[in-house]
Amino acid sequence: METDVKKQLAPLLGIISWAEVSRNYFGKSSSWLYHKLNGIDGNGKPTSFDEEERARLKEALLDLSDKIASSANLL
């Protein structure tokens, strides 16, 4: 089952290290984030991002965007 968040992030799925995003921005394991993206927790039950987690994911992506832009501007 694919969640709306995963569909929205499809262009980035193979580019970003989601394990690093999970550790650095959520303080969680990579499996936690993969379960959230896939909409199914470790026990096979439906799960999704709550509003706070969605906001934190947005901030993480914006932070990564800023870091990429800053690095690109050095070239």
Protein backbone atom coordinates (compact mmCIF):
# COMPACT_ATOMS: atom_id res chain seq x y z
CA MET A 1 0.00 0.00 0.00
CA GLU A 2 1.54 3.30 -1.11
CA THR A 3 0.78 6.44 0.88
CA ASP A 4 0.21 9.93 -0.49
CA VAL A 5 3.52 11.04 1.03
CA LYS A 6 5.42 8.33 -0.81
CA LYS A 7 3.75 9.29 -4.09
CA GLN A 8 4.65 12.93 -3.52
CA LEU A 9 8.27 12.00 -2.79
CA ALA A 10 8.60 9.57 -5.72
CA PRO A 11 11.14 11.70 -7.64
CA LEU A 12 13.41 11.72 -4.58
CA LEU A 13 13.11 8.12 -3.39
CA GLY A 14 16.30 6.89 -5.09
CA ILE A 15 18.28 10.08 -4.54
CA ILE A 16 18.06 10.81 -0.82
CA SER A 17 19.41 8.63 1.98
CA TRP A 18 16.20 8.09 3.90
CA ALA A 19 18.12 6.30 6.64
CA GLU A 20 20.07 9.52 7.25
CA VAL A 21 16.88 11.60 7.14
CA SER A 22 15.31 9.30 9.70
CA ARG A 23 18.32 9.42 12.04
CA ASN A 24 19.23 13.09 11.66
CA TYR A 25 15.80 14.70 11.58
CA PHE A 26 13.60 12.27 13.52
CA GLY A 27 16.04 10.44 15.78
CA LYS A 28 14.48 7.17 14.62
CA SER A 29 15.62 4.03 12.81
CA SER A 30 15.48 3.76 9.05
CA SER A 31 12.82 1.06 9.32
CA TRP A 32 10.55 3.53 11.13
CA LEU A 33 10.65 5.92 8.17
CA TYR A 34 10.29 3.16 5.58
CA HIS A 35 7.23 1.86 7.43
CA LYS A 36 5.74 5.36 7.45
CA LEU A 37 6.44 5.80 3.73
CA ASN A 38 4.92 2.43 2.91
CA GLY A 39 1.89 2.96 5.15
CA ILE A 40 2.34 -0.29 7.06
CA ASP A 41 4.05 -0.66 10.44
CA GLY A 42 6.29 -3.53 11.51
CA ASN A 43 3.26 -5.54 12.61
CA GLY A 44 1.44 -5.14 9.29
CA LYS A 45 -0.97 -2.53 10.62
CA PRO A 46 -1.73 0.69 8.73
CA THR A 47 0.36 3.68 9.73
CA SER A 48 0.91 7.19 8.41
CA PHE A 49 2.64 10.43 9.21
CA ASP A 50 0.85 12.57 11.75
CA GLU A 51 0.76 16.35 11.27
CA GLU A 52 3.88 16.94 13.37
CA GLU A 53 5.83 14.28 11.47
CA ARG A 54 4.72 15.70 8.12
CA ALA A 55 5.87 19.15 9.23
CA ARG A 56 9.22 17.75 10.38
CA LEU A 57 9.66 15.91 7.07
CA LYS A 58 8.92 19.11 5.21
CA GLU A 59 11.53 20.98 7.28
CA ALA A 60 14.06 18.18 6.66
CA LEU A 61 13.55 18.41 2.90
CA LEU A 62 13.82 22.19 2.97
CA ASP A 63 17.03 21.93 5.01
CA LEU A 64 18.48 19.45 2.51
CA SER A 65 17.41 21.75 -0.32
CA ASP A 66 19.26 24.65 1.30
CA LYS A 67 22.38 22.52 1.78
CA ILE A 68 22.32 21.41 -1.86
CA ALA A 69 21.82 24.97 -3.10
CA SER A 70 24.65 26.28 -0.89
CA SER A 71 27.01 23.61 -2.16
CA ALA A 72 26.00 24.22 -5.78
CA ASN A 73 26.62 27.93 -5.37
CA LEU A 74 30.23 27.21 -4.36
CA LEU A 75 30.95 25.77 -7.80
